[in-house]
Amino acid sequence: MTTASTAPWLLVTASIAATYVWRGAGVYCATRIDPQGRLFAWVTCVSYALLAGLIARMIVLPVGTLSSTPLIDRLLAVGLSFAVYYFGRRRPLRAVLSGVVVFILISALRDAMG
C-alpha cells in the first residue's frame, strides 16, 4: 500500500524505468540497422511524410489561436520562408525566423488596421 507522499515517487521511478528500457532497446536495435538499407530509407520517407502532413495541417486547418488568423497570412509567411530557404543558402533557421517575423508583422498590421 502506498501513501500519498510515496505515490509520486513511484510514478517518477516507473516513468524513468520505462524510458530507459525503450532507449536501451533502441540502442540495441540501432546497431543492427543498415543506414543504407531499404528499411532505413522507408522509415526516413515516412518521417518526412508525417512532418509534411503536420505542417500542411497547421497551415490549412489550424487549431487554437492560429485558426483565427486568415489563411492568406499563413500562406504568405510560408511562401516567404520557402523563398528565403531556397535563395538564401538553404539555411533552415534563417527561413523559419523570416517566416515567423513576417507572420507577426502581417498579424500586427492587420490588427492595427482594424
PDB file of N, CA and C in Angstrom:
ATOM      1  N   MET A   1       0.839  -1.175   0.000  1.00  0.00           N
ATOM      2  CA  MET A   1       0.000   0.000   0.000  1.00  0.00           C
ATOM      3  C   MET A   1       0.883   1.237   0.000  1.00  0.00           C
ATOM      4  N   THR A   2       0.551   2.180  -0.847  1.00  0.00           N
ATOM      5  CA  THR A   2       1.356   3.391  -0.931  1.00  0.00           C
ATOM      6  C   THR A   2       0.644   4.535  -0.230  1.00  0.00           C
ATOM      7  N   THR A   3       1.448   5.427   0.280  1.00  0.00           N
ATOM      8  CA  THR A   3       0.886   6.622   0.896  1.00  0.00           C
ATOM      9  C   THR A   3       0.901   7.747  -0.128  1.00  0.00           C
ATOM     10  N   ALA A   4       0.265   8.845   0.229  1.00  0.00           N
ATOM     11  CA  ALA A   4       0.181   9.979  -0.689  1.00  0.00           C
ATOM     12  C   ALA A   4       1.552  10.573  -0.976  1.00  0.00           C
ATOM     13  N   SER A   5       2.498  10.430  -0.065  1.00  0.00           N
ATOM     14  CA  SER A   5       3.822  11.005  -0.281  1.00  0.00           C
ATOM     15  C   SER A   5       4.728  10.107  -1.120  1.00  0.00           C
ATOM     16  N   THR A   6       4.468   8.803  -1.171  1.00  0.00           N
ATOM     17  CA  THR A   6       5.318   7.912  -1.953  1.00  0.00           C
ATOM     18  C   THR A   6       4.785   7.653  -3.360  1.00  0.00           C
ATOM     19  N   ALA A   7       3.505   7.899  -3.574  1.00  0.00           N
ATOM     20  CA  ALA A   7       2.924   7.626  -4.895  1.00  0.00           C
ATOM     21  C   ALA A   7       3.589   8.431  -6.016  1.00  0.00           C
ATOM     22  N   PRO A   8       3.855   9.726  -5.842  1.00  0.00           N
ATOM     23  CA  PRO A   8       4.532  10.459  -6.916  1.00  0.00           C
ATOM     24  C   PRO A   8       5.922   9.906  -7.215  1.00  0.00           C
ATOM     25  N   TRP A   9       6.644   9.501  -6.173  1.00  0.00           N
ATOM     26  CA  TRP A   9       7.976   8.955  -6.394  1.00  0.00           C
ATOM     27  C   TRP A   9       7.923   7.625  -7.133  1.00  0.00           C
ATOM     28  N   LEU A  10       6.919   6.819  -6.845  1.00  0.00           N
ATOM     29  CA  LEU A  10       6.767   5.560  -7.573  1.00  0.00           C
ATOM     30  C   LEU A  10       6.455   5.820  -9.046  1.00  0.00           C
ATOM     31  N   LEU A  11       5.613   6.821  -9.318  1.00  0.00           N
ATOM     32  CA  LEU A  11       5.301   7.157 -10.706  1.00  0.00           C
ATOM     33  C   LEU A  11       6.528   7.675 -11.453  1.00  0.00           C
ATOM     34  N   VAL A  12       7.318   8.508 -10.799  1.00  0.00           N
ATOM     35  CA  VAL A  12       8.536   9.028 -11.432  1.00  0.00           C
ATOM     36  C   VAL A  12       9.513   7.889 -11.698  1.00  0.00           C
ATOM     37  N   THR A  13       9.676   6.997 -10.743  1.00  0.00           N
ATOM     38  CA  THR A  13      10.581   5.859 -10.913  1.00  0.00           C
ATOM     39  C   THR A  13      10.105   4.944 -12.039  1.00  0.00           C
ATOM     40  N   ALA A  14       8.816   4.681 -12.110  1.00  0.00           N
ATOM     41  CA  ALA A  14       8.282   3.844 -13.187  1.00  0.00           C
ATOM     42  C   ALA A  14       8.464   4.524 -14.542  1.00  0.00           C
ATOM     43  N   SER A  15       8.286   5.830 -14.594  1.00  0.00           N
ATOM     44  CA  SER A  15       8.476   6.559 -15.851  1.00  0.00           C
ATOM     45  C   SER A  15       9.925   6.506 -16.303  1.00  0.00           C
ATOM     46  N   ILE A  16      10.836   6.680 -15.377  1.00  0.00           N
ATOM     47  CA  ILE A  16      12.271   6.607 -15.705  1.00  0.00           C
ATOM     48  C   ILE A  16      12.620   5.212 -16.201  1.00  0.00           C
ATOM     49  N   ALA A  17      12.130   4.199 -15.523  1.00  0.00           N
ATOM     50  CA  ALA A  17      12.423   2.826 -15.928  1.00  0.00           C
ATOM     51  C   ALA A  17      11.884   2.537 -17.321  1.00  0.00           C
ATOM     52  N   ALA A  18      10.656   2.967 -17.588  1.00  0.00           N
ATOM     53  CA  ALA A  18      10.074   2.724 -18.913  1.00  0.00           C
ATOM     54  C   ALA A  18      10.851   3.453 -19.996  1.00  0.00           C
ATOM     55  N   THR A  19      11.268   4.676 -19.711  1.00  0.00           N
ATOM     56  CA  THR A  19      12.040   5.440 -20.691  1.00  0.00           C
ATOM     57  C   THR A  19      13.355   4.747 -21.009  1.00  0.00           C
ATOM     58  N   TYR A  20      14.079   4.307 -19.981  1.00  0.00           N
ATOM     59  CA  TYR A  20      15.375   3.689 -20.218  1.00  0.00           C
ATOM     60  C   TYR A  20      15.272   2.306 -20.840  1.00  0.00           C
ATOM     61  N   VAL A  21      14.197   1.605 -20.597  1.00  0.00           N
ATOM     62  CA  VAL A  21      14.001   0.306 -21.263  1.00  0.00           C
ATOM     63  C   VAL A  21      13.886   0.520 -22.766  1.00  0.00           C
ATOM     64  N   TRP A  22      13.074   1.503 -23.192  1.00  0.00           N
ATOM     65  CA  TRP A  22      12.910   1.751 -24.618  1.00  0.00           C
ATOM     66  C   TRP A  22      14.158   2.345 -25.247  1.00  0.00           C
ATOM     67  N   ARG A  23      14.874   3.181 -24.497  1.00  0.00           N
ATOM     68  CA  ARG A  23      16.141   3.701 -25.018  1.00  0.00           C
ATOM     69  C   ARG A  23      17.145   2.568 -25.216  1.00  0.00           C
ATOM     70  N   GLY A  24      17.205   1.675 -24.253  1.00  0.00           N
ATOM     71  CA  GLY A  24      18.116   0.535 -24.383  1.00  0.00           C
ATOM     72  C   GLY A  24      17.745  -0.340 -25.566  1.00  0.00           C
ATOM     73  N   ALA A  25      16.456  -0.569 -25.768  1.00  0.00           N
ATOM     74  CA  ALA A  25      16.022  -1.359 -26.923  1.00  0.00           C
ATOM     75  C   ALA A  25      16.374  -0.642 -28.220  1.00  0.00           C
ATOM     76  N   GLY A  26      16.261   0.686 -28.225  1.00  0.00           N
ATOM     77  CA  GLY A  26      16.631   1.455 -29.416  1.00  0.00           C
ATOM     78  C   GLY A  26      18.109   1.358 -29.725  1.00  0.00           C
ATOM     79  N   VAL A  27      18.940   1.433 -28.711  1.00  0.00           N
ATOM     80  CA  VAL A  27      20.390   1.305 -28.907  1.00  0.00           C
ATOM     81  C   VAL A  27      20.723  -0.092 -29.406  1.00  0.00           C
ATOM     82  N   TYR A  28      20.088  -1.097 -28.836  1.00  0.00           N
ATOM     83  CA  TYR A  28      20.333  -2.476 -29.257  1.00  0.00           C
ATOM     84  C   TYR A  28      19.941  -2.680 -30.720  1.00  0.00           C
ATOM     85  N   CYS A  29      18.790  -2.147 -31.111  1.00  0.00           N
ATOM     86  CA  CYS A  29      18.325  -2.310 -32.491  1.00  0.00           C
ATOM     87  C   CYS A  29      19.106  -1.443 -33.468  1.00  0.00           C
ATOM     88  N   ALA A  30      19.553  -0.290 -33.018  1.00  0.00           N
ATOM     89  CA  ALA A  30      20.251   0.638 -33.917  1.00  0.00           C
ATOM     90  C   ALA A  30      21.571   0.061 -34.417  1.00  0.00           C
ATOM     91  N   THR A  31      22.189  -0.776 -33.620  1.00  0.00           N
ATOM     92  CA  THR A  31      23.458  -1.360 -34.061  1.00  0.00           C
ATOM     93  C   THR A  31      23.241  -2.396 -35.159  1.00  0.00           C
ATOM     94  N   ARG A  32      22.015  -2.846 -35.341  1.00  0.00           N
ATOM     95  CA  ARG A  32      21.722  -3.873 -36.338  1.00  0.00           C
ATOM     96  C   ARG A  32      21.038  -3.329 -37.589  1.00  0.00           C
ATOM     97  N   ILE A  33      20.779  -2.026 -37.631  1.00  0.00           N
ATOM     98  CA  ILE A  33      20.107  -1.437 -38.790  1.00  0.00           C
ATOM     99  C   ILE A  33      21.155  -0.872 -39.740  1.00  0.00           C
ATOM    100  N   ASP A  34      21.020  -1.212 -40.995  1.00  0.00           N
ATOM    101  CA  ASP A  34      21.914  -0.690 -42.027  1.00  0.00           C
ATOM    102  C   ASP A  34      21.402   0.683 -42.468  1.00  0.00           C
ATOM    103  N   PRO A  35      22.161   1.754 -42.236  1.00  0.00           N
ATOM    104  CA  PRO A  35      21.672   3.080 -42.601  1.00  0.00           C
ATOM    105  C   PRO A  35      21.508   3.272 -44.108  1.00  0.00           C
ATOM    106  N   GLN A  36      22.082   2.412 -44.900  1.00  0.00           N
ATOM    107  CA  GLN A  36      21.931   2.492 -46.352  1.00  0.00           C
ATOM    108  C   GLN A  36      20.869   1.518 -46.865  1.00  0.00           C
ATOM    109  N   GLY A  37      20.241   0.805 -45.958  1.00  0.00           N
ATOM    110  CA  GLY A  37      19.281  -0.223 -46.346  1.00  0.00           C
ATOM    111  C   GLY A  37      17.902   0.321 -46.693  1.00  0.00           C
ATOM    112  N   ARG A  38      17.080  -0.563 -47.218  1.00  0.00           N
ATOM    113  CA  ARG A  38      15.734  -0.184 -47.655  1.00  0.00           C
ATOM    114  C   ARG A  38      14.828   0.156 -46.480  1.00  0.00           C
ATOM    115  N   LEU A  39      14.964  -0.551 -45.362  1.00  0.00           N
ATOM    116  CA  LEU A  39      14.138  -0.273 -44.197  1.00  0.00           C
ATOM    117  C   LEU A  39      14.406   1.132 -43.664  1.00  0.00           C
ATOM    118  N   PHE A  40      15.661   1.500 -43.581  1.00  0.00           N
ATOM    119  CA  PHE A  40      16.021   2.823 -43.090  1.00  0.00           C
ATOM    120  C   PHE A  40      15.517   3.902 -44.048  1.00  0.00           C
ATOM    121  N   ALA A  41      15.621   3.672 -45.342  1.00  0.00           N
ATOM    122  CA  ALA A  41      15.108   4.630 -46.329  1.00  0.00           C
ATOM    123  C   ALA A  41      13.588   4.775 -46.193  1.00  0.00           C
ATOM    124  N   TRP A  42      12.890   3.667 -45.965  1.00  0.00           N
ATOM    125  CA  TRP A  42      11.439   3.718 -45.795  1.00  0.00           C
ATOM    126  C   TRP A  42      11.052   4.516 -44.548  1.00  0.00           C
ATOM    127  N   VAL A  43      11.746   4.258 -43.441  1.00  0.00           N
ATOM    128  CA  VAL A  43      11.467   4.986 -42.204  1.00  0.00           C
ATOM    129  C   VAL A  43      11.726   6.477 -42.395  1.00  0.00           C
ATOM    130  N   THR A  44      12.778   6.823 -43.107  1.00  0.00           N
ATOM    131  CA  THR A  44      13.081   8.224 -43.387  1.00  0.00           C
ATOM    132  C   THR A  44      11.973   8.862 -44.213  1.00  0.00           C
ATOM    133  N   CYS A  45      11.511   8.173 -45.225  1.00  0.00           N
ATOM    134  CA  CYS A  45      10.425   8.707 -46.063  1.00  0.00           C
ATOM    135  C   CYS A  45       9.137   8.881 -45.266  1.00  0.00           C
ATOM    136  N   VAL A  46       8.822   7.936 -44.422  1.00  0.00           N
ATOM    137  CA  VAL A  46       7.605   8.033 -43.608  1.00  0.00           C
ATOM    138  C   VAL A  46       7.709   9.202 -42.633  1.00  0.00           C
ATOM    139  N   SER A  47       8.867   9.398 -42.042  1.00  0.00           N
ATOM    140  CA  SER A  47       9.016  10.510 -41.092  1.00  0.00           C
ATOM    141  C   SER A  47       8.904  11.853 -41.805  1.00  0.00           C
ATOM    142  N   TYR A  48       9.468  11.975 -43.007  1.00  0.00           N
ATOM    143  CA  TYR A  48       9.314  13.217 -43.778  1.00  0.00           C
ATOM    144  C   TYR A  48       7.859  13.433 -44.174  1.00  0.00           C
ATOM    145  N   ALA A  49       7.166  12.373 -44.529  1.00  0.00           N
ATOM    146  CA  ALA A  49       5.757  12.500 -44.915  1.00  0.00           C
ATOM    147  C   ALA A  49       4.900  12.934 -43.726  1.00  0.00           C
ATOM    148  N   LEU A  50       5.165  12.374 -42.558  1.00  0.00           N
ATOM    149  CA  LEU A  50       4.425  12.781 -41.358  1.00  0.00           C
ATOM    150  C   LEU A  50       4.680  14.247 -41.023  1.00  0.00           C
ATOM    151  N   LEU A  51       5.929  14.665 -41.122  1.00  0.00           N
ATOM    152  CA  LEU A  51       6.260  16.059 -40.844  1.00  0.00           C
ATOM    153  C   LEU A  51       5.581  16.991 -41.847  1.00  0.00           C
ATOM    154  N   ALA A  52       5.607  16.632 -43.119  1.00  0.00           N
ATOM    155  CA  ALA A  52       4.948  17.453 -44.142  1.00  0.00           C
ATOM    156  C   ALA A  52       3.446  17.523 -43.898  1.00  0.00           C
ATOM    157  N   GLY A  53       2.846  16.417 -43.511  1.00  0.00           N
ATOM    158  CA  GLY A  53       1.421  16.401 -43.222  1.00  0.00           C
ATOM    159  C   GLY A  53       1.059  17.275 -42.032  1.00  0.00           C
ATOM    160  N   LEU A  54       1.874  17.231 -40.994  1.00  0.00           N
ATOM    161  CA  LEU A  54       1.610  18.063 -39.821  1.00  0.00           C
ATOM    162  C   LEU A  54       1.756  19.540 -40.144  1.00  0.00           C
ATOM    163  N   ILE A  55       2.770  19.887 -40.922  1.00  0.00           N
ATOM    164  CA  ILE A  55       2.963  21.289 -41.306  1.00  0.00           C
ATOM    165  C   ILE A  55       1.809  21.749 -42.188  1.00  0.00           C
ATOM    166  N   ALA A  56       1.398  20.930 -43.136  1.00  0.00           N
ATOM    167  CA  ALA A  56       0.275  21.295 -44.009  1.00  0.00           C
ATOM    168  C   ALA A  56      -1.001  21.469 -43.192  1.00  0.00           C
ATOM    169  N   ARG A  57      -1.213  20.618 -42.213  1.00  0.00           N
ATOM    170  CA  ARG A  57      -2.403  20.744 -41.369  1.00  0.00           C
ATOM    171  C   ARG A  57      -2.356  22.025 -40.553  1.00  0.00           C
ATOM    172  N   MET A  58      -1.190  22.394 -40.062  1.00  0.00           N
ATOM    173  CA  MET A  58      -1.065  23.640 -39.303  1.00  0.00           C
ATOM    174  C   MET A  58      -1.361  24.857 -40.170  1.00  0.00           C
ATOM    175  N   ILE A  59      -1.048  24.771 -41.445  1.00  0.00           N
ATOM    176  CA  ILE A  59      -1.280  25.904 -42.342  1.00  0.00           C
ATOM    177  C   ILE A  59      -2.729  25.942 -42.798  1.00  0.00           C
ATOM    178  N   VAL A  60      -3.256  24.816 -43.237  1.00  0.00           N
ATOM    179  CA  VAL A  60      -4.587  24.786 -43.854  1.00  0.00           C
ATOM    180  C   VAL A  60      -5.702  24.649 -42.820  1.00  0.00           C
ATOM    181  N   LEU A  61      -5.532  23.790 -41.827  1.00  0.00           N
ATOM    182  CA  LEU A  61      -6.568  23.544 -40.817  1.00  0.00           C
ATOM    183  C   LEU A  61      -6.010  23.723 -39.405  1.00  0.00           C
ATOM    184  N   PRO A  62      -5.624  24.937 -39.031  1.00  0.00           N
ATOM    185  CA  PRO A  62      -5.017  25.120 -37.716  1.00  0.00           C
ATOM    186  C   PRO A  62      -6.060  25.032 -36.600  1.00  0.00           C
ATOM    187  N   VAL A  63      -5.580  24.823 -35.406  1.00  0.00           N
ATOM    188  CA  VAL A  63      -6.442  24.810 -34.226  1.00  0.00           C
ATOM    189  C   VAL A  63      -5.940  25.875 -33.252  1.00  0.00           C
ATOM    190  N   GLY A  64      -6.793  26.264 -32.329  1.00  0.00           N
ATOM    191  CA  GLY A  64      -6.396  27.233 -31.327  1.00  0.00           C
ATOM    192  C   GLY A  64      -6.351  28.649 -31.882  1.00  0.00           C
ATOM    193  N   THR A  65      -5.443  29.435 -31.360  1.00  0.00           N
ATOM    194  CA  THR A  65      -5.324  30.837 -31.730  1.00  0.00           C
ATOM    195  C   THR A  65      -4.973  31.009 -33.201  1.00  0.00           C
ATOM    196  N   LEU A  66      -4.184  30.100 -33.733  1.00  0.00           N
ATOM    197  CA  LEU A  66      -3.786  30.200 -35.141  1.00  0.00           C
ATOM    198  C   LEU A  66      -4.980  30.113 -36.080  1.00  0.00           C
ATOM    199  N   SER A  67      -6.048  29.461 -35.661  1.00  0.00           N
ATOM    200  CA  SER A  67      -7.225  29.330 -36.527  1.00  0.00           C
ATOM    201  C   SER A  67      -7.963  30.652 -36.708  1.00  0.00           C
ATOM    202  N   SER A  68      -7.687  31.630 -35.859  1.00  0.00           N
ATOM    203  CA  SER A  68      -8.343  32.933 -36.002  1.00  0.00           C
ATOM    204  C   SER A  68      -7.619  33.849 -36.982  1.00  0.00           C
ATOM    205  N   THR A  69      -6.488  33.400 -37.512  1.00  0.00           N
ATOM    206  CA  THR A  69      -5.762  34.204 -38.498  1.00  0.00           C
ATOM    207  C   THR A  69      -6.199  33.799 -39.902  1.00  0.00           C
ATOM    208  N   PRO A  70      -6.191  34.749 -40.833  1.00  0.00           N
ATOM    209  CA  PRO A  70      -6.585  34.423 -42.207  1.00  0.00           C
ATOM    210  C   PRO A  70      -5.584  33.472 -42.878  1.00  0.00           C
ATOM    211  N   LEU A  71      -6.104  32.634 -43.742  1.00  0.00           N
ATOM    212  CA  LEU A  71      -5.272  31.675 -44.463  1.00  0.00           C
ATOM    213  C   LEU A  71      -4.206  32.384 -45.280  1.00  0.00           C
ATOM    214  N   ILE A  72      -4.538  33.502 -45.874  1.00  0.00           N
ATOM    215  CA  ILE A  72      -3.575  34.209 -46.722  1.00  0.00           C
ATOM    216  C   ILE A  72      -2.363  34.660 -45.916  1.00  0.00           C
ATOM    217  N   ASP A  73      -2.547  35.027 -44.662  1.00  0.00           N
ATOM    218  CA  ASP A  73      -1.410  35.428 -43.821  1.00  0.00           C
ATOM    219  C   ASP A  73      -0.465  34.249 -43.603  1.00  0.00           C
ATOM    220  N   ARG A  74      -1.026  33.097 -43.323  1.00  0.00           N
ATOM    221  CA  ARG A  74      -0.205  31.905 -43.111  1.00  0.00           C
ATOM    222  C   ARG A  74       0.511  31.499 -44.389  1.00  0.00           C
ATOM    223  N   LEU A  75      -0.198  31.595 -45.521  1.00  0.00           N
ATOM    224  CA  LEU A  75       0.416  31.224 -46.802  1.00  0.00           C
ATOM    225  C   LEU A  75       1.531  32.185 -47.197  1.00  0.00           C
ATOM    226  N   LEU A  76       1.348  33.475 -46.940  1.00  0.00           N
ATOM    227  CA  LEU A  76       2.402  34.443 -47.239  1.00  0.00           C
ATOM    228  C   LEU A  76       3.654  34.180 -46.414  1.00  0.00           C
ATOM    229  N   ALA A  77       3.483  33.884 -45.135  1.00  0.00           N
ATOM    230  CA  ALA A  77       4.627  33.606 -44.275  1.00  0.00           C
ATOM    231  C   ALA A  77       5.357  32.338 -44.714  1.00  0.00           C
ATOM    232  N   VAL A  78       4.606  31.317 -45.067  1.00  0.00           N
ATOM    233  CA  VAL A  78       5.232  30.065 -45.529  1.00  0.00           C
ATOM    234  C   VAL A  78       5.929  30.279 -46.870  1.00  0.00           C
ATOM    235  N   GLY A  79       5.279  31.019 -47.766  1.00  0.00           N
ATOM    236  CA  GLY A  79       5.895  31.301 -49.066  1.00  0.00           C
ATOM    237  C   GLY A  79       7.196  32.056 -48.931  1.00  0.00           C
ATOM    238  N   LEU A  80       7.221  33.050 -48.057  1.00  0.00           N
ATOM    239  CA  LEU A  80       8.463  33.785 -47.840  1.00  0.00           C
ATOM    240  C   LEU A  80       9.525  32.883 -47.225  1.00  0.00           C
ATOM    241  N   SER A  81       9.120  32.012 -46.317  1.00  0.00           N
ATOM    242  CA  SER A  81      10.085  31.079 -45.718  1.00  0.00           C
ATOM    243  C   SER A  81      10.728  30.188 -46.775  1.00  0.00           C
ATOM    244  N   PHE A  82       9.909  29.677 -47.689  1.00  0.00           N
ATOM    245  CA  PHE A  82      10.465  28.859 -48.772  1.00  0.00           C
ATOM    246  C   PHE A  82      11.422  29.661 -49.637  1.00  0.00           C
ATOM    247  N   ALA A  83      11.051  30.895 -49.966  1.00  0.00           N
ATOM    248  CA  ALA A  83      11.913  31.743 -50.802  1.00  0.00           C
ATOM    249  C   ALA A  83      13.234  32.028 -50.100  1.00  0.00           C
ATOM    250  N   VAL A  84      13.176  32.346 -48.808  1.00  0.00           N
ATOM    251  CA  VAL A  84      14.404  32.621 -48.059  1.00  0.00           C
ATOM    252  C   VAL A  84      15.257  31.358 -47.984  1.00  0.00           C
ATOM    253  N   TYR A  85      14.627  30.219 -47.835  1.00  0.00           N
ATOM    254  CA  TYR A  85      15.386  28.969 -47.763  1.00  0.00           C
ATOM    255  C   TYR A  85      16.092  28.678 -49.094  1.00  0.00           C
ATOM    256  N   TYR A  86      15.359  28.743 -50.191  1.00  0.00           N
ATOM    257  CA  TYR A  86      15.939  28.349 -51.467  1.00  0.00           C
ATOM    258  C   TYR A  86      16.879  29.380 -52.064  1.00  0.00           C
ATOM    259  N   PHE A  87      16.652  30.665 -51.769  1.00  0.00           N
ATOM    260  CA  PHE A  87      17.523  31.687 -52.332  1.00  0.00           C
ATOM    261  C   PHE A  87      18.544  32.202 -51.323  1.00  0.00           C
ATOM    262  N   GLY A  88      18.529  31.687 -50.129  1.00  0.00           N
ATOM    263  CA  GLY A  88      19.420  32.166 -49.078  1.00  0.00           C
ATOM    264  C   GLY A  88      20.332  31.104 -48.523  1.00  0.00           C
ATOM    265  N   ARG A  89      20.990  30.369 -49.375  1.00  0.00           N
ATOM    266  CA  ARG A  89      21.989  29.355 -48.992  1.00  0.00           C
ATOM    267  C   ARG A  89      21.415  28.179 -48.214  1.00  0.00           C
ATOM    268  N   ARG A  90      20.133  27.963 -48.327  1.00  0.00           N
ATOM    269  CA  ARG A  90      19.462  26.812 -47.711  1.00  0.00           C
ATOM    270  C   ARG A  90      19.732  26.686 -46.219  1.00  0.00           C
ATOM    271  N   ARG A  91      19.471  27.755 -45.509  1.00  0.00           N
ATOM    272  CA  ARG A  91      19.634  27.795 -44.058  1.00  0.00           C
ATOM    273  C   ARG A  91      18.252  27.702 -43.406  1.00  0.00           C
ATOM    274  N   PRO A  92      17.922  26.569 -42.785  1.00  0.00           N
ATOM    275  CA  PRO A  92      16.585  26.392 -42.224  1.00  0.00           C
ATOM    276  C   PRO A  92      16.235  27.399 -41.125  1.00  0.00           C
ATOM    277  N   LEU A  93      17.175  27.701 -40.247  1.00  0.00           N
ATOM    278  CA  LEU A  93      16.882  28.619 -39.154  1.00  0.00           C
ATOM    279  C   LEU A  93      16.528  30.008 -39.686  1.00  0.00           C
ATOM    280  N   ARG A  94      17.284  30.474 -40.665  1.00  0.00           N
ATOM    281  CA  ARG A  94      17.006  31.774 -41.269  1.00  0.00           C
ATOM    282  C   ARG A  94      15.624  31.785 -41.924  1.00  0.00           C
ATOM    283  N   ALA A  95      15.271  30.701 -42.584  1.00  0.00           N
ATOM    284  CA  ALA A  95      13.968  30.618 -43.247  1.00  0.00           C
ATOM    285  C   ALA A  95      12.830  30.614 -42.235  1.00  0.00           C
ATOM    286  N   VAL A  96      12.966  29.833 -41.189  1.00  0.00           N
ATOM    287  CA  VAL A  96      11.916  29.767 -40.175  1.00  0.00           C
ATOM    288  C   VAL A  96      11.752  31.111 -39.480  1.00  0.00           C
ATOM    289  N   LEU A  97      12.863  31.724 -39.110  1.00  0.00           N
ATOM    290  CA  LEU A  97      12.787  33.018 -38.430  1.00  0.00           C
ATOM    291  C   LEU A  97      12.160  34.085 -39.322  1.00  0.00           C
ATOM    292  N   SER A  98      12.500  34.083 -40.613  1.00  0.00           N
ATOM    293  CA  SER A  98      11.900  35.074 -41.512  1.00  0.00           C
ATOM    294  C   SER A  98      10.402  34.850 -41.642  1.00  0.00           C
ATOM    295  N   GLY A  99       9.971  33.600 -41.698  1.00  0.00           N
ATOM    296  CA  GLY A  99       8.539  33.306 -41.765  1.00  0.00           C
ATOM    297  C   GLY A  99       7.800  33.747 -40.520  1.00  0.00           C
ATOM    298  N   VAL A 100       8.404  33.505 -39.361  1.00  0.00           N
ATOM    299  CA  VAL A 100       7.781  33.908 -38.099  1.00  0.00           C
ATOM    300  C   VAL A 100       7.680  35.425 -38.019  1.00  0.00           C
ATOM    301  N   VAL A 101       8.764  36.119 -38.372  1.00  0.00           N
ATOM    302  CA  VAL A 101       8.758  37.584 -38.310  1.00  0.00           C
ATOM    303  C   VAL A 101       7.714  38.149 -39.264  1.00  0.00           C
ATOM    304  N   VAL A 102       7.646  37.624 -40.483  1.00  0.00           N
ATOM    305  CA  VAL A 102       6.659  38.116 -41.450  1.00  0.00           C
ATOM    306  C   VAL A 102       5.241  37.841 -40.954  1.00  0.00           C
ATOM    307  N   PHE A 103       5.014  36.677 -40.400  1.00  0.00           N
ATOM    308  CA  PHE A 103       3.679  36.357 -39.889  1.00  0.00           C
ATOM    309  C   PHE A 103       3.291  37.306 -38.758  1.00  0.00           C
ATOM    310  N   ILE A 104       4.224  37.583 -37.856  1.00  0.00           N
ATOM    311  CA  ILE A 104       3.939  38.505 -36.752  1.00  0.00           C
ATOM    312  C   ILE A 104       3.664  39.907 -37.286  1.00  0.00           C
ATOM    313  N   LEU A 105       4.468  40.355 -38.256  1.00  0.00           N
ATOM    314  CA  LEU A 105       4.254  41.685 -38.835  1.00  0.00           C
ATOM    315  C   LEU A 105       2.910  41.786 -39.552  1.00  0.00           C
ATOM    316  N   ILE A 106       2.577  40.776 -40.326  1.00  0.00           N
ATOM    317  CA  ILE A 106       1.290  40.782 -41.032  1.00  0.00           C
ATOM    318  C   ILE A 106       0.141  40.810 -40.028  1.00  0.00           C
ATOM    319  N   SER A 107       0.250  40.007 -38.989  1.00  0.00           N
ATOM    320  CA  SER A 107      -0.809  39.974 -37.963  1.00  0.00           C
ATOM    321  C   SER A 107      -0.924  41.305 -37.239  1.00  0.00           C
ATOM    322  N   ALA A 108       0.222  41.915 -36.927  1.00  0.00           N
ATOM    323  CA  ALA A 108       0.206  43.199 -36.241  1.00  0.00           C
ATOM    324  C   ALA A 108      -0.396  44.280 -37.132  1.00  0.00           C
ATOM    325  N   LEU A 109      -0.042  44.285 -38.417  1.00  0.00           N
ATOM    326  CA  LEU A 109      -0.603  45.259 -39.348  1.00  0.00           C
ATOM    327  C   LEU A 109      -2.111  45.062 -39.496  1.00  0.00           C
ATOM    328  N   ARG A 110      -2.526  43.831 -39.581  1.00  0.00           N
ATOM    329  CA  ARG A 110      -3.954  43.545 -39.720  1.00  0.00           C
ATOM    330  C   ARG A 110      -4.727  44.013 -38.469  1.00  0.00           C
ATOM    331  N   ASP A 111      -4.148  43.791 -37.290  1.00  0.00           N
ATOM    332  CA  ASP A 111      -4.784  44.243 -36.045  1.00  0.00           C
ATOM    333  C   ASP A 111      -4.817  45.760 -35.956  1.00  0.00           C
ATOM    334  N   ALA A 112      -3.738  46.410 -36.421  1.00  0.00           N
ATOM    335  CA  ALA A 112      -3.671  47.879 -36.353  1.00  0.00           C
ATOM    336  C   ALA A 112      -4.676  48.529 -37.304  1.00  0.00           C
ATOM    337  N   MET A 113      -4.944  47.866 -38.432  1.00  0.00           N
ATOM    338  CA  MET A 113      -5.867  48.407 -39.406  1.00  0.00           C
ATOM    339  C   MET A 113      -7.319  48.225 -38.998  1.00  0.00           C
ATOM    340  N   GLY A 114      -7.547  47.356 -38.092  1.00  0.00           N
ATOM    341  CA  GLY A 114      -8.928  47.267 -37.639  1.00  0.00           C
ATOM    342  C   GLY A 114      -9.458  45.914 -37.588  1.00  0.00           C
TER     343      GLY A 114
END
